[in-house]
Amino acid sequence: MSVEQVEIIIPSSDADKKKLKDAIIEADGCLIRIDAEKDQVKTILENLAEEFQIDKKTLRKTLSIYHKQNKSKVDNEKENVDQLYDALF
């Protein structure tokens, strides 16, 4: 199995190199904040699960539906699955 070589052109000017480097550093900062927020969400859901004895999977699904504002779509998909399951079994 061969790996296709992709040639890149590295900027030669110091200004372009700085711009590229600064953008990568800025994007890394974004990823660090995303990771921190994901950890915070996990902690919140763990605390809720413990306090209210609700399964974390249920809490995460509820959060996802709220965040995406797609309850109707989720309900419709579940109804379709239920209908298919009932028809088959």
C-alpha atoms as a PDB file:
ATOM      1  CA  MET A   1       0.000   0.000   0.000  1.00  0.00           C
ATOM      2  CA  SER A   2       1.547   3.263  -1.057  1.00  0.00           C
ATOM      3  CA  VAL A   3       1.055   6.585   0.624  1.00  0.00           C
ATOM      4  CA  GLU A   4       0.372   9.442  -1.732  1.00  0.00           C
ATOM      5  CA  GLN A   5       2.830  12.258  -1.265  1.00  0.00           C
ATOM      6  CA  VAL A   6       1.263  15.695  -1.125  1.00  0.00           C
ATOM      7  CA  GLU A   7       3.576  18.573  -1.790  1.00  0.00           C
ATOM      8  CA  ILE A   8       3.116  21.759   0.185  1.00  0.00           C
ATOM      9  CA  ILE A   9       4.555  25.177  -0.430  1.00  0.00           C
ATOM     10  CA  ILE A  10       5.972  26.655   2.737  1.00  0.00           C
ATOM     11  CA  PRO A  11       5.781  30.434   2.830  1.00  0.00           C
ATOM     12  CA  SER A  12       9.149  32.061   2.389  1.00  0.00           C
ATOM     13  CA  SER A  13       8.455  35.509   3.804  1.00  0.00           C
ATOM     14  CA  ASP A  14       8.799  36.041   7.528  1.00  0.00           C
ATOM     15  CA  ALA A  15       5.463  37.901   7.577  1.00  0.00           C
ATOM     16  CA  ASP A  16       3.606  34.958   6.026  1.00  0.00           C
ATOM     17  CA  LYS A  17       5.323  32.481   8.357  1.00  0.00           C
ATOM     18  CA  LYS A  18       4.351  34.638  11.346  1.00  0.00           C
ATOM     19  CA  LYS A  19       0.759  34.880  10.118  1.00  0.00           C
ATOM     20  CA  LEU A  20       0.575  31.085   9.711  1.00  0.00           C
ATOM     21  CA  LYS A  21       2.200  30.426  13.085  1.00  0.00           C
ATOM     22  CA  ASP A  22      -0.048  32.955  14.887  1.00  0.00           C
ATOM     23  CA  ALA A  23      -3.174  31.441  13.334  1.00  0.00           C
ATOM     24  CA  ILE A  24      -2.169  27.927  14.430  1.00  0.00           C
ATOM     25  CA  ILE A  25      -1.476  29.157  17.960  1.00  0.00           C
ATOM     26  CA  GLU A  26      -4.848  30.946  18.031  1.00  0.00           C
ATOM     27  CA  ALA A  27      -6.651  27.815  16.782  1.00  0.00           C
ATOM     28  CA  ASP A  28      -4.861  25.759  19.456  1.00  0.00           C
ATOM     29  CA  GLY A  29      -6.237  28.140  22.075  1.00  0.00           C
ATOM     30  CA  CYS A  30      -9.715  27.517  20.676  1.00  0.00           C
ATOM     31  CA  LEU A  31      -9.240  23.753  20.975  1.00  0.00           C
ATOM     32  CA  ILE A  32      -8.041  24.122  24.570  1.00  0.00           C
ATOM     33  CA  ARG A  33     -11.189  26.107  25.443  1.00  0.00           C
ATOM     34  CA  ILE A  34     -13.376  23.507  23.687  1.00  0.00           C
ATOM     35  CA  ASP A  35     -11.767  20.718  25.729  1.00  0.00           C
ATOM     36  CA  ALA A  36     -12.355  22.675  28.934  1.00  0.00           C
ATOM     37  CA  GLU A  37     -16.009  23.257  28.045  1.00  0.00           C
ATOM     38  CA  LYS A  38     -16.470  19.553  27.238  1.00  0.00           C
ATOM     39  CA  ASP A  39     -15.030  18.686  30.653  1.00  0.00           C
ATOM     40  CA  GLN A  40     -17.431  21.165  32.275  1.00  0.00           C
ATOM     41  CA  VAL A  41     -20.431  19.614  30.485  1.00  0.00           C
ATOM     42  CA  LYS A  42     -19.305  16.155  31.613  1.00  0.00           C
ATOM     43  CA  THR A  43     -19.013  17.359  35.219  1.00  0.00           C
ATOM     44  CA  ILE A  44     -22.456  18.986  35.116  1.00  0.00           C
ATOM     45  CA  LEU A  45     -24.062  15.813  33.773  1.00  0.00           C
ATOM     46  CA  GLU A  46     -22.251  13.629  36.323  1.00  0.00           C
ATOM     47  CA  ASN A  47     -23.440  15.871  39.162  1.00  0.00           C
ATOM     48  CA  LEU A  48     -27.029  15.827  37.891  1.00  0.00           C
ATOM     49  CA  ALA A  49     -26.959  12.050  37.467  1.00  0.00           C
ATOM     50  CA  GLU A  50     -25.760  11.596  41.017  1.00  0.00           C
ATOM     51  CA  GLU A  51     -28.110  14.151  42.587  1.00  0.00           C
ATOM     52  CA  PHE A  52     -31.285  13.106  40.742  1.00  0.00           C
ATOM     53  CA  GLN A  53     -30.506   9.436  40.022  1.00  0.00           C
ATOM     54  CA  ILE A  54     -31.046   9.963  36.286  1.00  0.00           C
ATOM     55  CA  ASP A  55     -28.967   7.984  33.811  1.00  0.00           C
ATOM     56  CA  LYS A  56     -26.176  10.085  32.264  1.00  0.00           C
ATOM     57  CA  LYS A  57     -27.143   8.844  28.805  1.00  0.00           C
ATOM     58  CA  THR A  58     -30.660  10.221  29.292  1.00  0.00           C
ATOM     59  CA  LEU A  59     -29.337  13.540  30.537  1.00  0.00           C
ATOM     60  CA  ARG A  60     -26.899  13.818  27.618  1.00  0.00           C
ATOM     61  CA  LYS A  61     -29.668  13.030  25.111  1.00  0.00           C
ATOM     62  CA  THR A  62     -31.931  15.636  26.726  1.00  0.00           C
ATOM     63  CA  LEU A  63     -29.135  18.190  26.567  1.00  0.00           C
ATOM     64  CA  SER A  64     -28.466  17.356  22.926  1.00  0.00           C
ATOM     65  CA  ILE A  65     -32.125  17.757  21.973  1.00  0.00           C
ATOM     66  CA  TYR A  66     -32.324  21.061  23.839  1.00  0.00           C
ATOM     67  CA  HIS A  67     -29.104  22.344  22.283  1.00  0.00           C
ATOM     68  CA  LYS A  68     -30.072  21.377  18.735  1.00  0.00           C
ATOM     69  CA  GLN A  69     -33.722  22.351  19.267  1.00  0.00           C
ATOM     70  CA  ASN A  70     -34.753  19.249  17.312  1.00  0.00           C
ATOM     71  CA  LYS A  71     -37.286  17.494  19.545  1.00  0.00           C
ATOM     72  CA  SER A  72     -39.796  17.118  16.701  1.00  0.00           C
ATOM     73  CA  LYS A  73     -37.201  15.428  14.523  1.00  0.00           C
ATOM     74  CA  VAL A  74     -36.152  13.079  17.333  1.00  0.00           C
ATOM     75  CA  ASP A  75     -39.799  12.242  18.064  1.00  0.00           C
ATOM     76  CA  ASN A  76     -40.443  11.520  14.395  1.00  0.00           C
ATOM     77  CA  GLU A  77     -37.370   9.293  14.101  1.00  0.00           C
ATOM     78  CA  LYS A  78     -38.407   7.349  17.210  1.00  0.00           C
ATOM     79  CA  GLU A  79     -41.926   6.913  15.843  1.00  0.00           C
ATOM     80  CA  ASN A  80     -40.509   5.549  12.590  1.00  0.00           C
ATOM     81  CA  VAL A  81     -38.303   3.081  14.462  1.00  0.00           C
ATOM     82  CA  ASP A  82     -41.240   2.010  16.646  1.00  0.00           C
ATOM     83  CA  GLN A  83     -43.450   1.445  13.596  1.00  0.00           C
ATOM     84  CA  LEU A  84     -40.797  -0.571  11.810  1.00  0.00           C
ATOM     85  CA  TYR A  85     -40.021  -2.640  14.882  1.00  0.00           C
ATOM     86  CA  ASP A  86     -43.700  -3.347  15.509  1.00  0.00           C
ATOM     87  CA  ALA A  87     -44.207  -4.330  11.869  1.00  0.00           C
ATOM     88  CA  LEU A  88     -41.271  -6.728  11.966  1.00  0.00           C
ATOM     89  CA  PHE A  89     -41.580  -8.239  15.430  1.00  0.00           C
END
